């Protein structure tokens, strides 16, 4: 298994849109989007964000994320984290988050990187602490059906990542 990464390209959008298999999965990674995710919705998000990154497994796009906040010397926030169903459980998300951390710390000289994860996203909640993230807050939100959900905010301090 050979993982690489690069900036996302327009020809990646359709494949990335197919990563989320249900409205709930899409909500975890892109709460404002409507299911099914369309290339137009994804492109609009990319245009408002920074460092949109695709992960490739043996040449095929299998993961995506970007930064929705980026402050030079400040805080960078990772968002839109998506992994193709066939690539889940294979270390792809770990690789993706490590690359996003590296971009935040090197390119933006961030002092901390944050990520937010809905309480139903067990895979994310188990992964982020393994990568050094610690929880610092919980925010009540509503899902698309109006149900209460908890959004857990986690952070990785630069000193902890070095």
C-alpha atoms as a PDB file:
ATOM      1  CA  UNK A   1       0.000   0.000   0.000  1.00  0.00           C
ATOM      2  CA  UNK A   2       1.561   3.253  -1.165  1.00  0.00           C
ATOM      3  CA  UNK A   3       0.029   6.507   0.074  1.00  0.00           C
ATOM      4  CA  UNK A   4       0.887   9.880  -1.435  1.00  0.00           C
ATOM      5  CA  UNK A   5      -0.800  13.262  -1.322  1.00  0.00           C
ATOM      6  CA  UNK A   6      -1.133  16.339  -3.487  1.00  0.00           C
ATOM      7  CA  UNK A   7      -3.365  19.379  -3.893  1.00  0.00           C
ATOM      8  CA  UNK A   8      -6.865  18.385  -4.973  1.00  0.00           C
ATOM      9  CA  UNK A   9      -7.589  18.686  -8.696  1.00  0.00           C
ATOM     10  CA  UNK A  10     -10.880  19.310 -10.494  1.00  0.00           C
ATOM     11  CA  UNK A  11     -10.848  15.763 -11.889  1.00  0.00           C
ATOM     12  CA  UNK A  12     -10.861  14.429  -8.278  1.00  0.00           C
ATOM     13  CA  UNK A  13     -14.180  15.995  -7.302  1.00  0.00           C
ATOM     14  CA  UNK A  14     -16.579  13.317  -8.566  1.00  0.00           C
ATOM     15  CA  UNK A  15     -14.627  10.556  -6.808  1.00  0.00           C
ATOM     16  CA  UNK A  16     -14.486  12.527  -3.548  1.00  0.00           C
ATOM     17  CA  UNK A  17     -18.235  13.191  -3.694  1.00  0.00           C
ATOM     18  CA  UNK A  18     -18.837   9.424  -3.727  1.00  0.00           C
ATOM     19  CA  UNK A  19     -16.947   8.894  -0.428  1.00  0.00           C
ATOM     20  CA  UNK A  20     -19.925   9.692   1.785  1.00  0.00           C
ATOM     21  CA  UNK A  21     -22.466   6.876   1.687  1.00  0.00           C
ATOM     22  CA  UNK A  22     -25.343   8.438   3.654  1.00  0.00           C
ATOM     23  CA  UNK A  23     -26.689  11.785   4.811  1.00  0.00           C
ATOM     24  CA  UNK A  24     -25.273  11.045   8.281  1.00  0.00           C
ATOM     25  CA  UNK A  25     -21.758  10.427   6.926  1.00  0.00           C
ATOM     26  CA  UNK A  26     -21.898  13.629   4.904  1.00  0.00           C
ATOM     27  CA  UNK A  27     -23.067  15.557   7.977  1.00  0.00           C
ATOM     28  CA  UNK A  28     -19.989  14.368   9.943  1.00  0.00           C
ATOM     29  CA  UNK A  29     -17.554  15.855   7.435  1.00  0.00           C
ATOM     30  CA  UNK A  30     -19.552  18.639   5.778  1.00  0.00           C
ATOM     31  CA  UNK A  31     -22.577  19.669   7.881  1.00  0.00           C
ATOM     32  CA  UNK A  32     -23.717  22.427   5.525  1.00  0.00           C
ATOM     33  CA  UNK A  33     -23.812  20.192   2.440  1.00  0.00           C
ATOM     34  CA  UNK A  34     -26.870  18.412   1.105  1.00  0.00           C
ATOM     35  CA  UNK A  35     -26.756  14.696   0.352  1.00  0.00           C
ATOM     36  CA  UNK A  36     -25.655  13.464  -2.067  1.00  0.00           C
ATOM     37  CA  UNK A  37     -22.570  15.676  -2.162  1.00  0.00           C
ATOM     38  CA  UNK A  38     -22.161  17.265  -5.586  1.00  0.00           C
ATOM     39  CA  UNK A  39     -18.984  18.493  -7.274  1.00  0.00           C
ATOM     40  CA  UNK A  40     -20.488  22.024  -7.209  1.00  0.00           C
ATOM     41  CA  UNK A  41     -20.967  21.904  -3.406  1.00  0.00           C
ATOM     42  CA  UNK A  42     -17.448  20.558  -2.938  1.00  0.00           C
ATOM     43  CA  UNK A  43     -15.917  23.121  -5.308  1.00  0.00           C
ATOM     44  CA  UNK A  44     -17.667  25.953  -3.445  1.00  0.00           C
ATOM     45  CA  UNK A  45     -16.137  24.739  -0.170  1.00  0.00           C
ATOM     46  CA  UNK A  46     -12.692  24.394  -1.749  1.00  0.00           C
ATOM     47  CA  UNK A  47     -12.872  27.982  -2.997  1.00  0.00           C
ATOM     48  CA  UNK A  48     -13.535  29.252   0.540  1.00  0.00           C
ATOM     49  CA  UNK A  49     -10.866  27.108   2.188  1.00  0.00           C
ATOM     50  CA  UNK A  50      -7.124  26.524   2.033  1.00  0.00           C
ATOM     51  CA  UNK A  51      -4.823  23.623   1.280  1.00  0.00           C
ATOM     52  CA  UNK A  52      -7.449  21.219  -0.087  1.00  0.00           C
ATOM     53  CA  UNK A  53      -5.550  17.953  -0.205  1.00  0.00           C
ATOM     54  CA  UNK A  54      -6.170  14.600  -1.860  1.00  0.00           C
ATOM     55  CA  UNK A  55      -4.610  11.350  -0.638  1.00  0.00           C
ATOM     56  CA  UNK A  56      -3.883   8.720  -3.250  1.00  0.00           C
ATOM     57  CA  UNK A  57      -3.561   4.993  -2.663  1.00  0.00           C
ATOM     58  CA  UNK A  58      -1.655   3.377  -5.498  1.00  0.00           C
ATOM     59  CA  UNK A  59      -2.617   6.347  -7.690  1.00  0.00           C
ATOM     60  CA  UNK A  60      -6.364   6.497  -6.890  1.00  0.00           C
ATOM     61  CA  UNK A  61      -7.904   9.289  -4.798  1.00  0.00           C
ATOM     62  CA  UNK A  62      -9.068   7.801  -1.483  1.00  0.00           C
ATOM     63  CA  UNK A  63      -9.205  10.726   0.956  1.00  0.00           C
ATOM     64  CA  UNK A  64      -9.672  14.475   1.159  1.00  0.00           C
ATOM     65  CA  UNK A  65      -9.431  17.308   3.690  1.00  0.00           C
ATOM     66  CA  UNK A  66      -8.733  21.020   3.837  1.00  0.00           C
ATOM     67  CA  UNK A  67      -8.249  23.884   6.260  1.00  0.00           C
ATOM     68  CA  UNK A  68     -11.250  26.074   7.010  1.00  0.00           C
ATOM     69  CA  UNK A  69      -9.230  28.361   9.268  1.00  0.00           C
ATOM     70  CA  UNK A  70      -5.612  29.256   8.727  1.00  0.00           C
ATOM     71  CA  UNK A  71      -3.802  31.952  10.633  1.00  0.00           C
ATOM     72  CA  UNK A  72      -0.092  32.448  10.158  1.00  0.00           C
ATOM     73  CA  UNK A  73       1.425  31.741  13.544  1.00  0.00           C
ATOM     74  CA  UNK A  74      -2.012  31.046  14.997  1.00  0.00           C
ATOM     75  CA  UNK A  75      -4.637  28.337  14.724  1.00  0.00           C
ATOM     76  CA  UNK A  76      -5.376  26.144  11.723  1.00  0.00           C
ATOM     77  CA  UNK A  77      -8.557  24.065  11.645  1.00  0.00           C
ATOM     78  CA  UNK A  78      -8.902  20.880   9.598  1.00  0.00           C
ATOM     79  CA  UNK A  79     -12.253  20.239   7.950  1.00  0.00           C
ATOM     80  CA  UNK A  80     -14.079  18.209   5.315  1.00  0.00           C
ATOM     81  CA  UNK A  81     -12.191  15.040   6.317  1.00  0.00           C
ATOM     82  CA  UNK A  82     -13.431  12.244   4.015  1.00  0.00           C
ATOM     83  CA  UNK A  83     -12.117   8.752   3.309  1.00  0.00           C
ATOM     84  CA  UNK A  84     -13.358   6.390   0.615  1.00  0.00           C
ATOM     85  CA  UNK A  85     -15.267   3.417   2.083  1.00  0.00           C
ATOM     86  CA  UNK A  86     -12.879   0.861   0.530  1.00  0.00           C
ATOM     87  CA  UNK A  87      -9.883   2.628   2.129  1.00  0.00           C
ATOM     88  CA  UNK A  88     -11.234   2.888   5.677  1.00  0.00           C
ATOM     89  CA  UNK A  89      -9.430   1.037   8.443  1.00  0.00           C
ATOM     90  CA  UNK A  90      -6.180   0.997   6.453  1.00  0.00           C
ATOM     91  CA  UNK A  91      -4.320   3.982   7.932  1.00  0.00           C
ATOM     92  CA  UNK A  92      -5.482   6.413   5.255  1.00  0.00           C
ATOM     93  CA  UNK A  93      -7.168   8.843   7.687  1.00  0.00           C
ATOM     94  CA  UNK A  94      -4.087   8.777   9.912  1.00  0.00           C
ATOM     95  CA  UNK A  95      -1.883   9.634   6.925  1.00  0.00           C
ATOM     96  CA  UNK A  96      -4.291  12.394   5.813  1.00  0.00           C
ATOM     97  CA  UNK A  97      -4.421  14.069   9.231  1.00  0.00           C
ATOM     98  CA  UNK A  98      -0.633  13.809   9.611  1.00  0.00           C
ATOM     99  CA  UNK A  99      -0.214  15.572   6.248  1.00  0.00           C
ATOM    100  CA  UNK A 100      -2.740  18.277   7.168  1.00  0.00           C
ATOM    101  CA  UNK A 101      -0.909  18.820  10.473  1.00  0.00           C
ATOM    102  CA  UNK A 102       2.387  19.125   8.596  1.00  0.00           C
ATOM    103  CA  UNK A 103       0.881  21.698   6.206  1.00  0.00           C
ATOM    104  CA  UNK A 104      -0.530  23.715   9.121  1.00  0.00           C
ATOM    105  CA  UNK A 105       2.707  23.676  11.113  1.00  0.00           C
ATOM    106  CA  UNK A 106       5.131  24.190   8.192  1.00  0.00           C
ATOM    107  CA  UNK A 107       3.263  26.375   5.680  1.00  0.00           C
ATOM    108  CA  UNK A 108       1.179  28.387   8.137  1.00  0.00           C
ATOM    109  CA  UNK A 109       3.529  28.178  11.158  1.00  0.00           C
ATOM    110  CA  UNK A 110       0.482  27.348  13.265  1.00  0.00           C
ATOM    111  CA  UNK A 111       0.868  27.122  17.032  1.00  0.00           C
ATOM    112  CA  UNK A 112      -2.051  24.676  17.158  1.00  0.00           C
ATOM    113  CA  UNK A 113      -4.238  22.607  14.856  1.00  0.00           C
ATOM    114  CA  UNK A 114      -7.869  21.937  15.693  1.00  0.00           C
ATOM    115  CA  UNK A 115     -10.389  19.445  14.424  1.00  0.00           C
ATOM    116  CA  UNK A 116     -14.030  19.000  15.385  1.00  0.00           C
ATOM    117  CA  UNK A 117     -15.820  15.679  15.449  1.00  0.00           C
ATOM    118  CA  UNK A 118     -19.486  14.825  15.965  1.00  0.00           C
ATOM    119  CA  UNK A 119     -20.163  12.391  18.799  1.00  0.00           C
ATOM    120  CA  UNK A 120     -21.558   9.741  16.424  1.00  0.00           C
ATOM    121  CA  UNK A 121     -18.283   9.622  14.439  1.00  0.00           C
ATOM    122  CA  UNK A 122     -16.624   6.864  16.438  1.00  0.00           C
ATOM    123  CA  UNK A 123     -13.747   6.358  13.970  1.00  0.00           C
ATOM    124  CA  UNK A 124     -12.745  10.007  14.229  1.00  0.00           C
ATOM    125  CA  UNK A 125     -13.117  10.133  18.004  1.00  0.00           C
ATOM    126  CA  UNK A 126     -10.813   7.129  18.339  1.00  0.00           C
ATOM    127  CA  UNK A 127      -8.268   8.360  15.765  1.00  0.00           C
ATOM    128  CA  UNK A 128      -7.635  11.953  16.816  1.00  0.00           C
ATOM    129  CA  UNK A 129      -6.348  11.195  20.343  1.00  0.00           C
ATOM    130  CA  UNK A 130      -3.987   8.583  18.850  1.00  0.00           C
ATOM    131  CA  UNK A 131      -2.474  11.452  16.857  1.00  0.00           C
ATOM    132  CA  UNK A 132      -1.990  13.627  19.932  1.00  0.00           C
ATOM    133  CA  UNK A 133      -5.203  15.680  19.808  1.00  0.00           C
ATOM    134  CA  UNK A 134      -6.918  16.435  23.114  1.00  0.00           C
ATOM    135  CA  UNK A 135     -10.519  17.489  23.637  1.00  0.00           C
ATOM    136  CA  UNK A 136     -11.053  21.050  24.829  1.00  0.00           C
ATOM    137  CA  UNK A 137     -14.747  21.674  24.326  1.00  0.00           C
ATOM    138  CA  UNK A 138     -18.164  20.330  23.419  1.00  0.00           C
ATOM    139  CA  UNK A 139     -20.740  22.338  21.520  1.00  0.00           C
ATOM    140  CA  UNK A 140     -24.399  21.465  21.089  1.00  0.00           C
ATOM    141  CA  UNK A 141     -25.576  21.477  17.489  1.00  0.00           C
ATOM    142  CA  UNK A 142     -28.538  20.142  15.544  1.00  0.00           C
ATOM    143  CA  UNK A 143     -28.321  17.647  12.717  1.00  0.00           C
ATOM    144  CA  UNK A 144     -30.335  17.980   9.498  1.00  0.00           C
ATOM    145  CA  UNK A 145     -33.375  16.386  11.146  1.00  0.00           C
ATOM    146  CA  UNK A 146     -33.249  18.758  14.121  1.00  0.00           C
ATOM    147  CA  UNK A 147     -31.852  16.197  16.568  1.00  0.00           C
ATOM    148  CA  UNK A 148     -29.392  17.337  19.223  1.00  0.00           C
ATOM    149  CA  UNK A 149     -25.803  16.303  18.558  1.00  0.00           C
ATOM    150  CA  UNK A 150     -22.528  17.032  20.303  1.00  0.00           C
ATOM    151  CA  UNK A 151     -19.634  18.508  18.357  1.00  0.00           C
ATOM    152  CA  UNK A 152     -16.400  17.720  20.165  1.00  0.00           C
ATOM    153  CA  UNK A 153     -13.518  20.131  19.584  1.00  0.00           C
ATOM    154  CA  UNK A 154      -9.972  18.770  19.756  1.00  0.00           C
ATOM    155  CA  UNK A 155      -6.585  20.409  19.402  1.00  0.00           C
ATOM    156  CA  UNK A 156      -2.973  19.513  18.817  1.00  0.00           C
ATOM    157  CA  UNK A 157      -0.418  21.988  20.110  1.00  0.00           C
ATOM    158  CA  UNK A 158       2.712  22.504  18.002  1.00  0.00           C
ATOM    159  CA  UNK A 159       4.924  21.594  20.956  1.00  0.00           C
ATOM    160  CA  UNK A 160       3.130  18.237  21.286  1.00  0.00           C
ATOM    161  CA  UNK A 161       3.538  17.493  17.592  1.00  0.00           C
ATOM    162  CA  UNK A 162       7.284  18.064  17.389  1.00  0.00           C
END
